[in-house]
């Protein structure tokens, strides 16, 4: 599983829109959409993934450990 798959799963489980999920995580809608859809950052030639602070927010919001979230982020980057 990747972070994009996990985010979508958690959002749908809670019956949230993408905007509501972004608000819960304290990030913009456009950033959240990039994470959930695993869009690529064309300048860096890699997928856009959450940074450390957002990863901690995701862990806290979903009840998962930071290590688990960071592993999902690494899966996405491969």
PDB file of N, CA and C in Angstrom:
ATOM      1  N   UNK A   1       0.850  -1.177   0.000  1.00  0.00           N
ATOM      2  CA  UNK A   1       0.000   0.000   0.000  1.00  0.00           C
ATOM      3  C   UNK A   1       0.897   1.241   0.000  1.00  0.00           C
ATOM      4  N   UNK A   2       0.438   2.269  -0.679  1.00  0.00           N
ATOM      5  CA  UNK A   2       1.164   3.531  -0.733  1.00  0.00           C
ATOM      6  C   UNK A   2       0.407   4.596   0.055  1.00  0.00           C
ATOM      7  N   UNK A   3       1.043   5.741   0.260  1.00  0.00           N
ATOM      8  CA  UNK A   3       0.379   6.809   1.006  1.00  0.00           C
ATOM      9  C   UNK A   3      -0.849   7.321   0.259  1.00  0.00           C
ATOM     10  N   UNK A   4      -0.804   7.359  -1.060  1.00  0.00           N
ATOM     11  CA  UNK A   4      -1.978   7.826  -1.814  1.00  0.00           C
ATOM     12  C   UNK A   4      -3.163   6.883  -1.618  1.00  0.00           C
ATOM     13  N   UNK A   5      -2.910   5.590  -1.659  1.00  0.00           N
ATOM     14  CA  UNK A   5      -3.979   4.612  -1.437  1.00  0.00           C
ATOM     15  C   UNK A   5      -4.515   4.705  -0.007  1.00  0.00           C
ATOM     16  N   UNK A   6      -3.608   4.858   0.937  1.00  0.00           N
ATOM     17  CA  UNK A   6      -3.990   4.951   2.345  1.00  0.00           C
ATOM     18  C   UNK A   6      -4.853   6.182   2.597  1.00  0.00           C
ATOM     19  N   UNK A   7      -4.440   7.330   2.054  1.00  0.00           N
ATOM     20  CA  UNK A   7      -5.208   8.560   2.259  1.00  0.00           C
ATOM     21  C   UNK A   7      -6.625   8.429   1.707  1.00  0.00           C
ATOM     22  N   UNK A   8      -6.745   7.876   0.518  1.00  0.00           N
ATOM     23  CA  UNK A   8      -8.079   7.714  -0.074  1.00  0.00           C
ATOM     24  C   UNK A   8      -8.925   6.752   0.755  1.00  0.00           C
ATOM     25  N   UNK A   9      -8.326   5.668   1.206  1.00  0.00           N
ATOM     26  CA  UNK A   9      -9.034   4.687   2.030  1.00  0.00           C
ATOM     27  C   UNK A   9      -9.524   5.322   3.331  1.00  0.00           C
ATOM     28  N   UNK A  10      -8.658   6.062   3.987  1.00  0.00           N
ATOM     29  CA  UNK A  10      -9.030   6.695   5.254  1.00  0.00           C
ATOM     30  C   UNK A  10     -10.098   7.773   5.046  1.00  0.00           C
ATOM     31  N   UNK A  11      -9.984   8.523   3.971  1.00  0.00           N
ATOM     32  CA  UNK A  11     -10.963   9.576   3.680  1.00  0.00           C
ATOM     33  C   UNK A  11     -12.341   8.977   3.413  1.00  0.00           C
ATOM     34  N   UNK A  12     -12.393   7.941   2.587  1.00  0.00           N
ATOM     35  CA  UNK A  12     -13.692   7.342   2.261  1.00  0.00           C
ATOM     36  C   UNK A  12     -14.284   6.617   3.471  1.00  0.00           C
ATOM     37  N   UNK A  13     -13.435   6.030   4.295  1.00  0.00           N
ATOM     38  CA  UNK A  13     -13.910   5.362   5.505  1.00  0.00           C
ATOM     39  C   UNK A  13     -14.615   6.354   6.433  1.00  0.00           C
ATOM     40  N   UNK A  14     -14.135   7.584   6.447  1.00  0.00           N
ATOM     41  CA  UNK A  14     -14.715   8.618   7.299  1.00  0.00           C
ATOM     42  C   UNK A  14     -15.794   9.451   6.587  1.00  0.00           C
ATOM     43  N   UNK A  15     -16.088   9.096   5.338  1.00  0.00           N
ATOM     44  CA  UNK A  15     -17.090   9.809   4.527  1.00  0.00           C
ATOM     45  C   UNK A  15     -16.784  11.299   4.424  1.00  0.00           C
ATOM     46  N   UNK A  16     -15.515  11.615   4.159  1.00  0.00           N
ATOM     47  CA  UNK A  16     -15.079  12.996   4.013  1.00  0.00           C
ATOM     48  C   UNK A  16     -14.825  13.324   2.546  1.00  0.00           C
ATOM     49  N   UNK A  17     -15.015  14.581   2.197  1.00  0.00           N
ATOM     50  CA  UNK A  17     -14.602  15.035   0.876  1.00  0.00           C
ATOM     51  C   UNK A  17     -13.100  15.293   0.923  1.00  0.00           C
ATOM     52  N   UNK A  18     -12.507  15.496  -0.242  1.00  0.00           N
ATOM     53  CA  UNK A  18     -11.083  15.818  -0.265  1.00  0.00           C
ATOM     54  C   UNK A  18     -10.823  17.133   0.467  1.00  0.00           C
ATOM     55  N   UNK A  19     -11.707  18.110   0.303  1.00  0.00           N
ATOM     56  CA  UNK A  19     -11.548  19.390   0.997  1.00  0.00           C
ATOM     57  C   UNK A  19     -11.606  19.204   2.512  1.00  0.00           C
ATOM     58  N   UNK A  20     -12.542  18.409   2.983  1.00  0.00           N
ATOM     59  CA  UNK A  20     -12.666  18.174   4.431  1.00  0.00           C
ATOM     60  C   UNK A  20     -11.422  17.465   4.970  1.00  0.00           C
ATOM     61  N   UNK A  21     -10.919  16.504   4.220  1.00  0.00           N
ATOM     62  CA  UNK A  21      -9.714  15.790   4.651  1.00  0.00           C
ATOM     63  C   UNK A  21      -8.521  16.752   4.689  1.00  0.00           C
ATOM     64  N   UNK A  22      -8.394  17.582   3.673  1.00  0.00           N
ATOM     65  CA  UNK A  22      -7.312  18.570   3.643  1.00  0.00           C
ATOM     66  C   UNK A  22      -7.414  19.501   4.852  1.00  0.00           C
ATOM     67  N   UNK A  23      -8.616  19.952   5.170  1.00  0.00           N
ATOM     68  CA  UNK A  23      -8.812  20.828   6.324  1.00  0.00           C
ATOM     69  C   UNK A  23      -8.420  20.128   7.624  1.00  0.00           C
ATOM     70  N   UNK A  24      -8.767  18.860   7.755  1.00  0.00           N
ATOM     71  CA  UNK A  24      -8.415  18.093   8.954  1.00  0.00           C
ATOM     72  C   UNK A  24      -6.896  17.975   9.112  1.00  0.00           C
ATOM     73  N   UNK A  25      -6.201  17.921   7.989  1.00  0.00           N
ATOM     74  CA  UNK A  25      -4.738  17.782   8.021  1.00  0.00           C
ATOM     75  C   UNK A  25      -4.015  19.120   8.006  1.00  0.00           C
ATOM     76  N   UNK A  26      -4.759  20.208   7.835  1.00  0.00           N
ATOM     77  CA  UNK A  26      -4.157  21.527   7.840  1.00  0.00           C
ATOM     78  C   UNK A  26      -3.332  21.838   6.598  1.00  0.00           C
ATOM     79  N   UNK A  27      -3.773  21.306   5.454  1.00  0.00           N
ATOM     80  CA  UNK A  27      -3.080  21.563   4.191  1.00  0.00           C
ATOM     81  C   UNK A  27      -4.086  22.042   3.164  1.00  0.00           C
ATOM     82  N   UNK A  28      -3.590  22.589   2.063  1.00  0.00           N
ATOM     83  CA  UNK A  28      -4.501  23.078   1.023  1.00  0.00           C
ATOM     84  C   UNK A  28      -5.132  21.904   0.275  1.00  0.00           C
ATOM     85  N   UNK A  29      -6.268  22.192  -0.333  1.00  0.00           N
ATOM     86  CA  UNK A  29      -6.952  21.172  -1.134  1.00  0.00           C
ATOM     87  C   UNK A  29      -6.063  20.701  -2.272  1.00  0.00           C
ATOM     88  N   UNK A  30      -5.416  21.628  -2.956  1.00  0.00           N
ATOM     89  CA  UNK A  30      -4.580  21.240  -4.100  1.00  0.00           C
ATOM     90  C   UNK A  30      -3.428  20.332  -3.685  1.00  0.00           C
ATOM     91  N   UNK A  31      -2.840  20.604  -2.530  1.00  0.00           N
ATOM     92  CA  UNK A  31      -1.760  19.743  -2.031  1.00  0.00           C
ATOM     93  C   UNK A  31      -2.303  18.369  -1.701  1.00  0.00           C
ATOM     94  N   UNK A  32      -3.445  18.318  -1.027  1.00  0.00           N
ATOM     95  CA  UNK A  32      -4.033  17.024  -0.677  1.00  0.00           C
ATOM     96  C   UNK A  32      -4.331  16.205  -1.934  1.00  0.00           C
ATOM     97  N   UNK A  33      -4.913  16.836  -2.945  1.00  0.00           N
ATOM     98  CA  UNK A  33      -5.244  16.140  -4.190  1.00  0.00           C
ATOM     99  C   UNK A  33      -3.982  15.561  -4.822  1.00  0.00           C
ATOM    100  N   UNK A  34      -2.892  16.316  -4.787  1.00  0.00           N
ATOM    101  CA  UNK A  34      -1.617  15.801  -5.308  1.00  0.00           C
ATOM    102  C   UNK A  34      -1.176  14.550  -4.555  1.00  0.00           C
ATOM    103  N   UNK A  35      -1.324  14.562  -3.237  1.00  0.00           N
ATOM    104  CA  UNK A  35      -0.939  13.392  -2.438  1.00  0.00           C
ATOM    105  C   UNK A  35      -1.831  12.193  -2.739  1.00  0.00           C
ATOM    106  N   UNK A  36      -3.134  12.416  -2.766  1.00  0.00           N
ATOM    107  CA  UNK A  36      -4.062  11.299  -2.972  1.00  0.00           C
ATOM    108  C   UNK A  36      -3.956  10.717  -4.378  1.00  0.00           C
ATOM    109  N   UNK A  37      -3.670  11.551  -5.349  1.00  0.00           N
ATOM    110  CA  UNK A  37      -3.580  11.076  -6.729  1.00  0.00           C
ATOM    111  C   UNK A  37      -2.159  10.746  -7.160  1.00  0.00           C
ATOM    112  N   UNK A  38      -1.206  10.875  -6.255  1.00  0.00           N
ATOM    113  CA  UNK A  38       0.204  10.548  -6.511  1.00  0.00           C
ATOM    114  C   UNK A  38       0.738  11.277  -7.742  1.00  0.00           C
ATOM    115  N   UNK A  39       0.418  12.572  -7.833  1.00  0.00           N
ATOM    116  CA  UNK A  39       0.894  13.359  -8.965  1.00  0.00           C
ATOM    117  C   UNK A  39       2.374  13.631  -8.836  1.00  0.00           C
ATOM    118  N   UNK A  40       3.004  13.737  -9.955  1.00  0.00           N
ATOM    119  CA  UNK A  40       4.453  13.927  -9.993  1.00  0.00           C
ATOM    120  C   UNK A  40       4.815  15.408  -9.976  1.00  0.00           C
ATOM    121  N   UNK A  41       5.848  15.734  -9.207  1.00  0.00           N
ATOM    122  CA  UNK A  41       6.431  17.068  -9.230  1.00  0.00           C
ATOM    123  C   UNK A  41       7.377  17.091 -10.422  1.00  0.00           C
ATOM    124  N   UNK A  42       7.012  17.802 -11.453  1.00  0.00           N
ATOM    125  CA  UNK A  42       7.773  17.762 -12.702  1.00  0.00           C
ATOM    126  C   UNK A  42       9.189  18.318 -12.553  1.00  0.00           C
ATOM    127  N   UNK A  43       9.398  19.277 -11.665  1.00  0.00           N
ATOM    128  CA  UNK A  43      10.734  19.837 -11.478  1.00  0.00           C
ATOM    129  C   UNK A  43      11.695  18.808 -10.876  1.00  0.00           C
ATOM    130  N   UNK A  44      11.202  18.058  -9.906  1.00  0.00           N
ATOM    131  CA  UNK A  44      12.063  17.086  -9.222  1.00  0.00           C
ATOM    132  C   UNK A  44      11.963  15.685  -9.781  1.00  0.00           C
ATOM    133  N   UNK A  45      11.044  15.464 -10.718  1.00  0.00           N
ATOM    134  CA  UNK A  45      10.856  14.144 -11.331  1.00  0.00           C
ATOM    135  C   UNK A  45      10.546  13.066 -10.293  1.00  0.00           C
ATOM    136  N   UNK A  46       9.756  13.443  -9.296  1.00  0.00           N
ATOM    137  CA  UNK A  46       9.311  12.460  -8.314  1.00  0.00           C
ATOM    138  C   UNK A  46       7.892  12.786  -7.887  1.00  0.00           C
ATOM    139  N   UNK A  47       7.224  11.817  -7.292  1.00  0.00           N
ATOM    140  CA  UNK A  47       5.847  12.006  -6.857  1.00  0.00           C
ATOM    141  C   UNK A  47       5.808  12.931  -5.648  1.00  0.00           C
ATOM    142  N   UNK A  48       4.752  13.736  -5.592  1.00  0.00           N
ATOM    143  CA  UNK A  48       4.571  14.625  -4.444  1.00  0.00           C
ATOM    144  C   UNK A  48       4.093  13.797  -3.271  1.00  0.00           C
ATOM    145  N   UNK A  49       4.826  13.857  -2.194  1.00  0.00           N
ATOM    146  CA  UNK A  49       4.487  13.112  -0.988  1.00  0.00           C
ATOM    147  C   UNK A  49       4.553  14.049   0.214  1.00  0.00           C
ATOM    148  N   UNK A  50       3.852  13.704   1.275  1.00  0.00           N
ATOM    149  CA  UNK A  50       3.847  14.559   2.465  1.00  0.00           C
ATOM    150  C   UNK A  50       5.227  14.684   3.102  1.00  0.00           C
ATOM    151  N   UNK A  51       5.493  15.861   3.644  1.00  0.00           N
ATOM    152  CA  UNK A  51       6.711  16.090   4.405  1.00  0.00           C
ATOM    153  C   UNK A  51       6.545  15.581   5.825  1.00  0.00           C
ATOM    154  N   UNK A  52       7.551  15.823   6.646  1.00  0.00           N
ATOM    155  CA  UNK A  52       7.540  15.296   8.017  1.00  0.00           C
ATOM    156  C   UNK A  52       6.377  15.801   8.855  1.00  0.00           C
ATOM    157  N   UNK A  53       6.111  17.096   8.788  1.00  0.00           N
ATOM    158  CA  UNK A  53       5.034  17.658   9.615  1.00  0.00           C
ATOM    159  C   UNK A  53       3.684  17.097   9.186  1.00  0.00           C
ATOM    160  N   UNK A  54       3.443  17.076   7.891  1.00  0.00           N
ATOM    161  CA  UNK A  54       2.168  16.527   7.399  1.00  0.00           C
ATOM    162  C   UNK A  54       2.073  15.037   7.697  1.00  0.00           C
ATOM    163  N   UNK A  55       3.181  14.324   7.598  1.00  0.00           N
ATOM    164  CA  UNK A  55       3.179  12.891   7.922  1.00  0.00           C
ATOM    165  C   UNK A  55       2.770  12.682   9.380  1.00  0.00           C
ATOM    166  N   UNK A  56       3.255  13.529  10.269  1.00  0.00           N
ATOM    167  CA  UNK A  56       2.873  13.422  11.684  1.00  0.00           C
ATOM    168  C   UNK A  56       1.383  13.730  11.867  1.00  0.00           C
ATOM    169  N   UNK A  57       0.882  14.701  11.117  1.00  0.00           N
ATOM    170  CA  UNK A  57      -0.549  15.033  11.199  1.00  0.00           C
ATOM    171  C   UNK A  57      -1.404  13.873  10.697  1.00  0.00           C
ATOM    172  N   UNK A  58      -0.966  13.245   9.612  1.00  0.00           N
ATOM    173  CA  UNK A  58      -1.690  12.085   9.080  1.00  0.00           C
ATOM    174  C   UNK A  58      -1.698  10.963  10.113  1.00  0.00           C
ATOM    175  N   UNK A  59      -0.550  10.711  10.722  1.00  0.00           N
ATOM    176  CA  UNK A  59      -0.457   9.657  11.739  1.00  0.00           C
ATOM    177  C   UNK A  59      -1.400   9.951  12.897  1.00  0.00           C
ATOM    178  N   UNK A  60      -1.382  11.165  13.375  1.00  0.00           N
ATOM    179  CA  UNK A  60      -2.242  11.544  14.496  1.00  0.00           C
ATOM    180  C   UNK A  60      -3.717  11.430  14.132  1.00  0.00           C
ATOM    181  N   UNK A  61      -4.088  11.922  12.968  1.00  0.00           N
ATOM    182  CA  UNK A  61      -5.483  11.911  12.535  1.00  0.00           C
ATOM    183  C   UNK A  61      -6.003  10.491  12.330  1.00  0.00           C
ATOM    184  N   UNK A  62      -5.169   9.606  11.799  1.00  0.00           N
ATOM    185  CA  UNK A  62      -5.619   8.248  11.482  1.00  0.00           C
ATOM    186  C   UNK A  62      -5.358   7.250  12.604  1.00  0.00           C
ATOM    187  N   UNK A  63      -4.609   7.658  13.617  1.00  0.00           N
ATOM    188  CA  UNK A  63      -4.306   6.741  14.719  1.00  0.00           C
ATOM    189  C   UNK A  63      -3.198   5.757  14.399  1.00  0.00           C
ATOM    190  N   UNK A  64      -2.414   6.059  13.386  1.00  0.00           N
ATOM    191  CA  UNK A  64      -1.288   5.201  13.008  1.00  0.00           C
ATOM    192  C   UNK A  64       0.006   5.783  13.562  1.00  0.00           C
ATOM    193  N   UNK A  65       1.059   4.998  13.519  1.00  0.00           N
ATOM    194  CA  UNK A  65       2.355   5.492  13.965  1.00  0.00           C
ATOM    195  C   UNK A  65       3.022   6.285  12.853  1.00  0.00           C
ATOM    196  N   UNK A  66       3.919   7.164  13.236  1.00  0.00           N
ATOM    197  CA  UNK A  66       4.684   7.925  12.244  1.00  0.00           C
ATOM    198  C   UNK A  66       5.521   6.998  11.380  1.00  0.00           C
ATOM    199  N   UNK A  67       6.028   5.926  11.965  1.00  0.00           N
ATOM    200  CA  UNK A  67       6.837   4.966  11.212  1.00  0.00           C
ATOM    201  C   UNK A  67       6.017   4.309  10.110  1.00  0.00           C
ATOM    202  N   UNK A  68       4.786   3.947  10.428  1.00  0.00           N
ATOM    203  CA  UNK A  68       3.897   3.337   9.438  1.00  0.00           C
ATOM    204  C   UNK A  68       3.647   4.303   8.276  1.00  0.00           C
ATOM    205  N   UNK A  69       3.338   5.554   8.609  1.00  0.00           N
ATOM    206  CA  UNK A  69       3.075   6.564   7.575  1.00  0.00           C
ATOM    207  C   UNK A  69       4.327   6.797   6.738  1.00  0.00           C
ATOM    208  N   UNK A  70       5.479   6.891   7.378  1.00  0.00           N
ATOM    209  CA  UNK A  70       6.724   7.094   6.632  1.00  0.00           C
ATOM    210  C   UNK A  70       7.034   5.920   5.713  1.00  0.00           C
ATOM    211  N   UNK A  71       6.708   4.709   6.128  1.00  0.00           N
ATOM    212  CA  UNK A  71       6.886   3.537   5.254  1.00  0.00           C
ATOM    213  C   UNK A  71       5.986   3.642   4.019  1.00  0.00           C
ATOM    214  N   UNK A  72       4.751   4.106   4.199  1.00  0.00           N
ATOM    215  CA  UNK A  72       3.843   4.280   3.065  1.00  0.00           C
ATOM    216  C   UNK A  72       4.367   5.345   2.108  1.00  0.00           C
ATOM    217  N   UNK A  73       4.935   6.394   2.669  1.00  0.00           N
ATOM    218  CA  UNK A  73       5.510   7.465   1.840  1.00  0.00           C
ATOM    219  C   UNK A  73       6.676   6.906   1.019  1.00  0.00           C
ATOM    220  N   UNK A  74       7.511   6.109   1.640  1.00  0.00           N
ATOM    221  CA  UNK A  74       8.646   5.511   0.926  1.00  0.00           C
ATOM    222  C   UNK A  74       8.166   4.582  -0.180  1.00  0.00           C
ATOM    223  N   UNK A  75       7.091   3.831   0.072  1.00  0.00           N
ATOM    224  CA  UNK A  75       6.520   2.963  -0.976  1.00  0.00           C
ATOM    225  C   UNK A  75       6.068   3.792  -2.177  1.00  0.00           C
ATOM    226  N   UNK A  76       5.500   4.955  -1.892  1.00  0.00           N
ATOM    227  CA  UNK A  76       5.020   5.821  -2.969  1.00  0.00           C
ATOM    228  C   UNK A  76       6.187   6.332  -3.833  1.00  0.00           C
ATOM    229  N   UNK A  77       7.293   6.596  -3.214  1.00  0.00           N
ATOM    230  CA  UNK A  77       8.444   7.167  -3.910  1.00  0.00           C
ATOM    231  C   UNK A  77       9.142   6.158  -4.835  1.00  0.00           C
ATOM    232  N   UNK A  78       8.910   4.892  -4.634  1.00  0.00           N
ATOM    233  CA  UNK A  78       9.582   3.869  -5.434  1.00  0.00           C
ATOM    234  C   UNK A  78       8.981   3.714  -6.794  1.00  0.00           C
TER     235      UNK A  78
END
